[in-house]
Amino acid sequence: FGDEFPIRFDFLDTMEGGNLSLQVHP
């Protein structure tokens, strides 16, 4: 990968919220 950090962790919070967008990745 070279000098790139290849793993990502993040939170998606929809508690008392709504749906994420309907989506797709390349």
PDB file of all heavy atoms in Angstrom:
ATOM      1  N   PHE A   1       0.804  -1.217   0.000  1.00  0.00           N
ATOM      2  CA  PHE A   1       0.000   0.000   0.000  1.00  0.00           C
ATOM      3  C   PHE A   1       0.842   1.275   0.000  1.00  0.00           C
ATOM      4  O   PHE A   1       0.285   2.365  -0.140  1.00  0.00           O
ATOM      5  CB  PHE A   1      -0.923   0.016   1.219  1.00  0.00           C
ATOM      6  CG  PHE A   1      -2.006  -1.014   1.177  1.00  0.00           C
ATOM      7  CD1 PHE A   1      -1.815  -2.271   1.709  1.00  0.00           C
ATOM      8  CD2 PHE A   1      -3.228  -0.732   0.595  1.00  0.00           C
ATOM      9  CE1 PHE A   1      -2.808  -3.237   1.676  1.00  0.00           C
ATOM     10  CE2 PHE A   1      -4.242  -1.678   0.550  1.00  0.00           C
ATOM     11  CZ  PHE A   1      -4.031  -2.943   1.090  1.00  0.00           C
ATOM     12  N   GLY A   2       2.146   1.150   0.172  1.00  0.00           N
ATOM     13  CA  GLY A   2       2.948   2.353   0.339  1.00  0.00           C
ATOM     14  C   GLY A   2       2.651   2.989   1.680  1.00  0.00           C
ATOM     15  O   GLY A   2       2.163   2.343   2.605  1.00  0.00           O
ATOM     16  N   ASP A   3       2.933   4.294   1.797  1.00  0.00           N
ATOM     17  CA  ASP A   3       2.708   4.974   3.073  1.00  0.00           C
ATOM     18  C   ASP A   3       1.262   5.474   3.184  1.00  0.00           C
ATOM     19  O   ASP A   3       0.996   6.661   3.340  1.00  0.00           O
ATOM     20  CB  ASP A   3       3.725   6.098   3.292  1.00  0.00           C
ATOM     21  CG  ASP A   3       3.758   7.090   2.151  1.00  0.00           C
ATOM     22  OD1 ASP A   3       2.935   6.975   1.211  1.00  0.00           O
ATOM     23  OD2 ASP A   3       4.614   7.990   2.176  1.00  0.00           O
ATOM     24  N   GLU A   4       0.331   4.528   3.100  1.00  0.00           N
ATOM     25  CA  GLU A   4      -1.084   4.795   3.333  1.00  0.00           C
ATOM     26  C   GLU A   4      -1.588   3.812   4.373  1.00  0.00           C
ATOM     27  O   GLU A   4      -1.233   2.637   4.343  1.00  0.00           O
ATOM     28  CB  GLU A   4      -1.904   4.638   2.048  1.00  0.00           C
ATOM     29  CG  GLU A   4      -1.619   5.685   0.990  1.00  0.00           C
ATOM     30  CD  GLU A   4      -2.604   5.597  -0.161  1.00  0.00           C
ATOM     31  OE1 GLU A   4      -3.745   5.128   0.059  1.00  0.00           O
ATOM     32  OE2 GLU A   4      -2.233   5.985  -1.271  1.00  0.00           O
ATOM     33  N   PHE A   5      -2.437   4.306   5.271  1.00  0.00           N
ATOM     34  CA  PHE A   5      -3.021   3.446   6.301  1.00  0.00           C
ATOM     35  C   PHE A   5      -4.276   2.822   5.704  1.00  0.00           C
ATOM     36  O   PHE A   5      -5.238   3.531   5.403  1.00  0.00           O
ATOM     37  CB  PHE A   5      -3.350   4.258   7.546  1.00  0.00           C
ATOM     38  CG  PHE A   5      -3.578   3.427   8.769  1.00  0.00           C
ATOM     39  CD1 PHE A   5      -2.521   3.130   9.612  1.00  0.00           C
ATOM     40  CD2 PHE A   5      -4.831   2.920   9.073  1.00  0.00           C
ATOM     41  CE1 PHE A   5      -2.710   2.350  10.748  1.00  0.00           C
ATOM     42  CE2 PHE A   5      -5.038   2.143  10.197  1.00  0.00           C
ATOM     43  CZ  PHE A   5      -3.972   1.854  11.044  1.00  0.00           C
ATOM     44  N   PRO A   6      -4.321   1.491   5.513  1.00  0.00           N
ATOM     45  CA  PRO A   6      -5.372   0.912   4.678  1.00  0.00           C
ATOM     46  C   PRO A   6      -6.669   0.542   5.382  1.00  0.00           C
ATOM     47  O   PRO A   6      -7.609   0.096   4.736  1.00  0.00           O
ATOM     48  CB  PRO A   6      -4.689  -0.349   4.132  1.00  0.00           C
ATOM     49  CG  PRO A   6      -3.737  -0.746   5.208  1.00  0.00           C
ATOM     50  CD  PRO A   6      -3.267   0.533   5.853  1.00  0.00           C
ATOM     51  N   ILE A   7      -6.744   0.694   6.722  1.00  0.00           N
ATOM     52  CA  ILE A   7      -7.939   0.280   7.468  1.00  0.00           C
ATOM     53  C   ILE A   7      -8.591   1.500   8.104  1.00  0.00           C
ATOM     54  O   ILE A   7      -7.916   2.351   8.669  1.00  0.00           O
ATOM     55  CB  ILE A   7      -7.581  -0.731   8.576  1.00  0.00           C
ATOM     56  CG1 ILE A   7      -6.921  -1.981   7.987  1.00  0.00           C
ATOM     57  CG2 ILE A   7      -8.825  -1.129   9.365  1.00  0.00           C
ATOM     58  CD1 ILE A   7      -6.384  -2.942   9.037  1.00  0.00           C
ATOM     59  N   ARG A   8      -9.902   1.549   8.016  1.00  0.00           N
ATOM     60  CA  ARG A   8     -10.656   2.661   8.619  1.00  0.00           C
ATOM     61  C   ARG A   8     -11.711   2.102   9.570  1.00  0.00           C
ATOM     62  O   ARG A   8     -12.407   1.146   9.244  1.00  0.00           O
ATOM     63  CB  ARG A   8     -11.347   3.465   7.514  1.00  0.00           C
ATOM     64  CG  ARG A   8     -12.154   4.649   8.016  1.00  0.00           C
ATOM     65  CD  ARG A   8     -13.071   5.180   6.927  1.00  0.00           C
ATOM     66  NE  ARG A   8     -14.239   4.338   6.766  1.00  0.00           N
ATOM     67  CZ  ARG A   8     -15.153   4.493   5.795  1.00  0.00           C
ATOM     68  NH1 ARG A   8     -14.977   5.428   4.888  1.00  0.00           N
ATOM     69  NH2 ARG A   8     -16.205   3.706   5.725  1.00  0.00           N
ATOM     70  N   PHE A   9     -11.828   2.708  10.750  1.00  0.00           N
ATOM     71  CA  PHE A   9     -12.930   2.432  11.687  1.00  0.00           C
ATOM     72  C   PHE A   9     -13.680   3.745  11.915  1.00  0.00           C
ATOM     73  O   PHE A   9     -13.066   4.766  12.238  1.00  0.00           O
ATOM     74  CB  PHE A   9     -12.404   1.953  13.053  1.00  0.00           C
ATOM     75  CG  PHE A   9     -12.119   0.481  13.161  1.00  0.00           C
ATOM     76  CD1 PHE A   9     -11.573  -0.237  12.117  1.00  0.00           C
ATOM     77  CD2 PHE A   9     -12.373  -0.185  14.352  1.00  0.00           C
ATOM     78  CE1 PHE A   9     -11.281  -1.590  12.240  1.00  0.00           C
ATOM     79  CE2 PHE A   9     -12.090  -1.544  14.503  1.00  0.00           C
ATOM     80  CZ  PHE A   9     -11.548  -2.244  13.446  1.00  0.00           C
ATOM     81  N   ASP A  10     -14.982   3.726  11.765  1.00  0.00           N
ATOM     82  CA  ASP A  10     -15.779   4.905  12.119  1.00  0.00           C
ATOM     83  C   ASP A  10     -17.165   4.471  12.561  1.00  0.00           C
ATOM     84  O   ASP A  10     -17.573   3.332  12.349  1.00  0.00           O
ATOM     85  CB  ASP A  10     -15.863   5.880  10.937  1.00  0.00           C
ATOM     86  CG  ASP A  10     -16.582   5.284   9.741  1.00  0.00           C
ATOM     87  OD1 ASP A  10     -15.909   4.662   8.881  1.00  0.00           O
ATOM     88  OD2 ASP A  10     -17.798   5.427   9.646  1.00  0.00           O
ATOM     89  N   PHE A  11     -17.890   5.400  13.198  1.00  0.00           N
ATOM     90  CA  PHE A  11     -19.238   5.135  13.682  1.00  0.00           C
ATOM     91  C   PHE A  11     -20.266   5.797  12.777  1.00  0.00           C
ATOM     92  O   PHE A  11     -20.067   6.933  12.315  1.00  0.00           O
ATOM     93  CB  PHE A  11     -19.432   5.701  15.094  1.00  0.00           C
ATOM     94  CG  PHE A  11     -18.449   5.197  16.112  1.00  0.00           C
ATOM     95  CD1 PHE A  11     -17.539   6.059  16.703  1.00  0.00           C
ATOM     96  CD2 PHE A  11     -18.437   3.864  16.495  1.00  0.00           C
ATOM     97  CE1 PHE A  11     -16.635   5.608  17.653  1.00  0.00           C
ATOM     98  CE2 PHE A  11     -17.536   3.399  17.444  1.00  0.00           C
ATOM     99  CZ  PHE A  11     -16.631   4.272  18.026  1.00  0.00           C
ATOM    100  N   LEU A  12     -21.383   5.093  12.555  1.00  0.00           N
ATOM    101  CA  LEU A  12     -22.548   5.651  11.872  1.00  0.00           C
ATOM    102  C   LEU A  12     -23.718   5.537  12.848  1.00  0.00           C
ATOM    103  O   LEU A  12     -24.151   4.436  13.166  1.00  0.00           O
ATOM    104  CB  LEU A  12     -22.849   4.871  10.579  1.00  0.00           C
ATOM    105  CG  LEU A  12     -21.692   4.723   9.590  1.00  0.00           C
ATOM    106  CD1 LEU A  12     -22.083   3.779   8.458  1.00  0.00           C
ATOM    107  CD2 LEU A  12     -21.277   6.072   9.035  1.00  0.00           C
ATOM    108  N   ASP A  13     -24.194   6.668  13.328  1.00  0.00           N
ATOM    109  CA  ASP A  13     -25.220   6.687  14.380  1.00  0.00           C
ATOM    110  C   ASP A  13     -26.563   7.088  13.785  1.00  0.00           C
ATOM    111  O   ASP A  13     -26.740   8.225  13.339  1.00  0.00           O
ATOM    112  CB  ASP A  13     -24.794   7.677  15.468  1.00  0.00           C
ATOM    113  CG  ASP A  13     -25.800   7.775  16.615  1.00  0.00           C
ATOM    114  OD1 ASP A  13     -26.820   7.055  16.592  1.00  0.00           O
ATOM    115  OD2 ASP A  13     -25.553   8.574  17.535  1.00  0.00           O
ATOM    116  N   THR A  14     -27.525   6.136  13.775  1.00  0.00           N
ATOM    117  CA  THR A  14     -28.875   6.459  13.323  1.00  0.00           C
ATOM    118  C   THR A  14     -29.905   6.274  14.445  1.00  0.00           C
ATOM    119  O   THR A  14     -31.099   6.217  14.179  1.00  0.00           O
ATOM    120  CB  THR A  14     -29.285   5.586  12.119  1.00  0.00           C
ATOM    121  OG1 THR A  14     -29.379   4.209  12.537  1.00  0.00           O
ATOM    122  CG2 THR A  14     -28.281   5.698  10.987  1.00  0.00           C
ATOM    123  N   MET A  15     -29.448   6.168  15.698  1.00  0.00           N
ATOM    124  CA  MET A  15     -30.374   6.025  16.822  1.00  0.00           C
ATOM    125  C   MET A  15     -31.273   7.255  16.917  1.00  0.00           C
ATOM    126  O   MET A  15     -30.785   8.379  17.094  1.00  0.00           O
ATOM    127  CB  MET A  15     -29.601   5.852  18.129  1.00  0.00           C
ATOM    128  CG  MET A  15     -29.015   4.477  18.335  1.00  0.00           C
ATOM    129  SD  MET A  15     -30.277   3.247  18.680  1.00  0.00           S
ATOM    130  CE  MET A  15     -29.236   1.885  19.213  1.00  0.00           C
ATOM    131  N   GLU A  16     -32.582   7.030  16.779  1.00  0.00           N
ATOM    132  CA  GLU A  16     -33.562   8.116  16.753  1.00  0.00           C
ATOM    133  C   GLU A  16     -33.321   9.028  15.550  1.00  0.00           C
ATOM    134  O   GLU A  16     -33.747  10.189  15.543  1.00  0.00           O
ATOM    135  CB  GLU A  16     -33.552   8.917  18.056  1.00  0.00           C
ATOM    136  CG  GLU A  16     -33.817   8.075  19.294  1.00  0.00           C
ATOM    137  CD  GLU A  16     -33.711   8.872  20.578  1.00  0.00           C
ATOM    138  OE1 GLU A  16     -34.112  10.059  20.588  1.00  0.00           O
ATOM    139  OE2 GLU A  16     -33.210   8.313  21.572  1.00  0.00           O
ATOM    140  N   GLY A  17     -32.636   8.481  14.533  1.00  0.00           N
ATOM    141  CA  GLY A  17     -32.380   9.237  13.313  1.00  0.00           C
ATOM    142  C   GLY A  17     -33.066   8.581  12.129  1.00  0.00           C
ATOM    143  O   GLY A  17     -34.150   8.024  12.256  1.00  0.00           O
ATOM    144  N   GLY A  18     -32.416   8.627  10.978  1.00  0.00           N
ATOM    145  CA  GLY A  18     -33.016   8.084   9.767  1.00  0.00           C
ATOM    146  C   GLY A  18     -32.090   7.104   9.075  1.00  0.00           C
ATOM    147  O   GLY A  18     -30.976   6.824   9.534  1.00  0.00           O
ATOM    148  N   ASN A  19     -32.556   6.578   7.941  1.00  0.00           N
ATOM    149  CA  ASN A  19     -31.734   5.679   7.147  1.00  0.00           C
ATOM    150  C   ASN A  19     -30.569   6.440   6.518  1.00  0.00           C
ATOM    151  O   ASN A  19     -30.695   7.621   6.177  1.00  0.00           O
ATOM    152  CB  ASN A  19     -32.543   5.065   6.003  1.00  0.00           C
ATOM    153  CG  ASN A  19     -33.724   4.249   6.483  1.00  0.00           C
ATOM    154  OD1 ASN A  19     -33.769   3.814   7.628  1.00  0.00           O
ATOM    155  ND2 ASN A  19     -34.692   4.044   5.598  1.00  0.00           N
ATOM    156  N   LEU A  20     -29.442   5.743   6.351  1.00  0.00           N
ATOM    157  CA  LEU A  20     -28.399   6.298   5.504  1.00  0.00           C
ATOM    158  C   LEU A  20     -28.907   6.340   4.069  1.00  0.00           C
ATOM    159  O   LEU A  20     -29.957   5.781   3.750  1.00  0.00           O
ATOM    160  CB  LEU A  20     -27.138   5.421   5.565  1.00  0.00           C
ATOM    161  CG  LEU A  20     -26.107   5.729   6.660  1.00  0.00           C
ATOM    162  CD1 LEU A  20     -26.680   5.444   8.034  1.00  0.00           C
ATOM    163  CD2 LEU A  20     -24.843   4.914   6.440  1.00  0.00           C
ATOM    164  N   SER A  21     -28.170   6.970   3.180  1.00  0.00           N
ATOM    165  CA  SER A  21     -28.538   6.927   1.772  1.00  0.00           C
ATOM    166  C   SER A  21     -28.364   5.521   1.226  1.00  0.00           C
ATOM    167  O   SER A  21     -27.504   4.759   1.690  1.00  0.00           O
ATOM    168  CB  SER A  21     -27.669   7.903   0.968  1.00  0.00           C
ATOM    169  OG  SER A  21     -26.306   7.537   1.065  1.00  0.00           O
ATOM    170  N   LEU A  22     -29.189   5.146   0.253  1.00  0.00           N
ATOM    171  CA  LEU A  22     -28.990   3.904  -0.481  1.00  0.00           C
ATOM    172  C   LEU A  22     -27.790   4.126  -1.391  1.00  0.00           C
ATOM    173  O   LEU A  22     -27.756   5.120  -2.140  1.00  0.00           O
ATOM    174  CB  LEU A  22     -30.236   3.575  -1.292  1.00  0.00           C
ATOM    175  CG  LEU A  22     -30.341   2.160  -1.847  1.00  0.00           C
ATOM    176  CD1 LEU A  22     -30.488   1.150  -0.706  1.00  0.00           C
ATOM    177  CD2 LEU A  22     -31.511   2.059  -2.810  1.00  0.00           C
ATOM    178  N   GLN A  23     -26.799   3.224  -1.360  1.00  0.00           N
ATOM    179  CA  GLN A  23     -25.514   3.546  -1.969  1.00  0.00           C
ATOM    180  C   GLN A  23     -24.781   2.316  -2.465  1.00  0.00           C
ATOM    181  O   GLN A  23     -25.165   1.176  -2.168  1.00  0.00           O
ATOM    182  CB  GLN A  23     -24.650   4.290  -0.947  1.00  0.00           C
ATOM    183  CG  GLN A  23     -24.428   3.508   0.333  1.00  0.00           C
ATOM    184  CD  GLN A  23     -23.818   4.342   1.453  1.00  0.00           C
ATOM    185  OE1 GLN A  23     -22.685   4.079   1.868  1.00  0.00           O
ATOM    186  NE2 GLN A  23     -24.575   5.326   1.955  1.00  0.00           N
ATOM    187  N   VAL A  24     -23.674   2.578  -3.174  1.00  0.00           N
ATOM    188  CA  VAL A  24     -22.802   1.521  -3.668  1.00  0.00           C
ATOM    189  C   VAL A  24     -21.405   2.104  -3.806  1.00  0.00           C
ATOM    190  O   VAL A  24     -21.248   3.314  -4.021  1.00  0.00           O
ATOM    191  CB  VAL A  24     -23.332   0.953  -5.011  1.00  0.00           C
ATOM    192  CG1 VAL A  24     -23.268   2.005  -6.115  1.00  0.00           C
ATOM    193  CG2 VAL A  24     -22.584  -0.302  -5.421  1.00  0.00           C
ATOM    194  N   HIS A  25     -20.382   1.251  -3.682  1.00  0.00           N
ATOM    195  CA  HIS A  25     -18.994   1.701  -3.804  1.00  0.00           C
ATOM    196  C   HIS A  25     -18.360   1.145  -5.074  1.00  0.00           C
ATOM    197  O   HIS A  25     -18.749   0.075  -5.561  1.00  0.00           O
ATOM    198  CB  HIS A  25     -18.181   1.270  -2.582  1.00  0.00           C
ATOM    199  CG  HIS A  25     -18.715   1.800  -1.293  1.00  0.00           C
ATOM    200  ND1 HIS A  25     -18.857   3.144  -1.054  1.00  0.00           N
ATOM    201  CD2 HIS A  25     -19.169   1.166  -0.178  1.00  0.00           C
ATOM    202  CE1 HIS A  25     -19.370   3.320   0.154  1.00  0.00           C
ATOM    203  NE2 HIS A  25     -19.567   2.134   0.702  1.00  0.00           N
ATOM    204  N   PRO A  26     -17.358   1.843  -5.627  1.00  0.00           N
ATOM    205  CA  PRO A  26     -16.794   1.443  -6.920  1.00  0.00           C
ATOM    206  C   PRO A  26     -15.925   0.195  -6.847  1.00  0.00           C
ATOM    207  O   PRO A  26     -15.305  -0.094  -5.823  1.00  0.00           O
ATOM    208  CB  PRO A  26     -15.948   2.661  -7.310  1.00  0.00           C
ATOM    209  CG  PRO A  26     -15.594   3.309  -6.015  1.00  0.00           C
ATOM    210  CD  PRO A  26     -16.777   3.092  -5.122  1.00  0.00           C
TER     211      PRO A  26
END
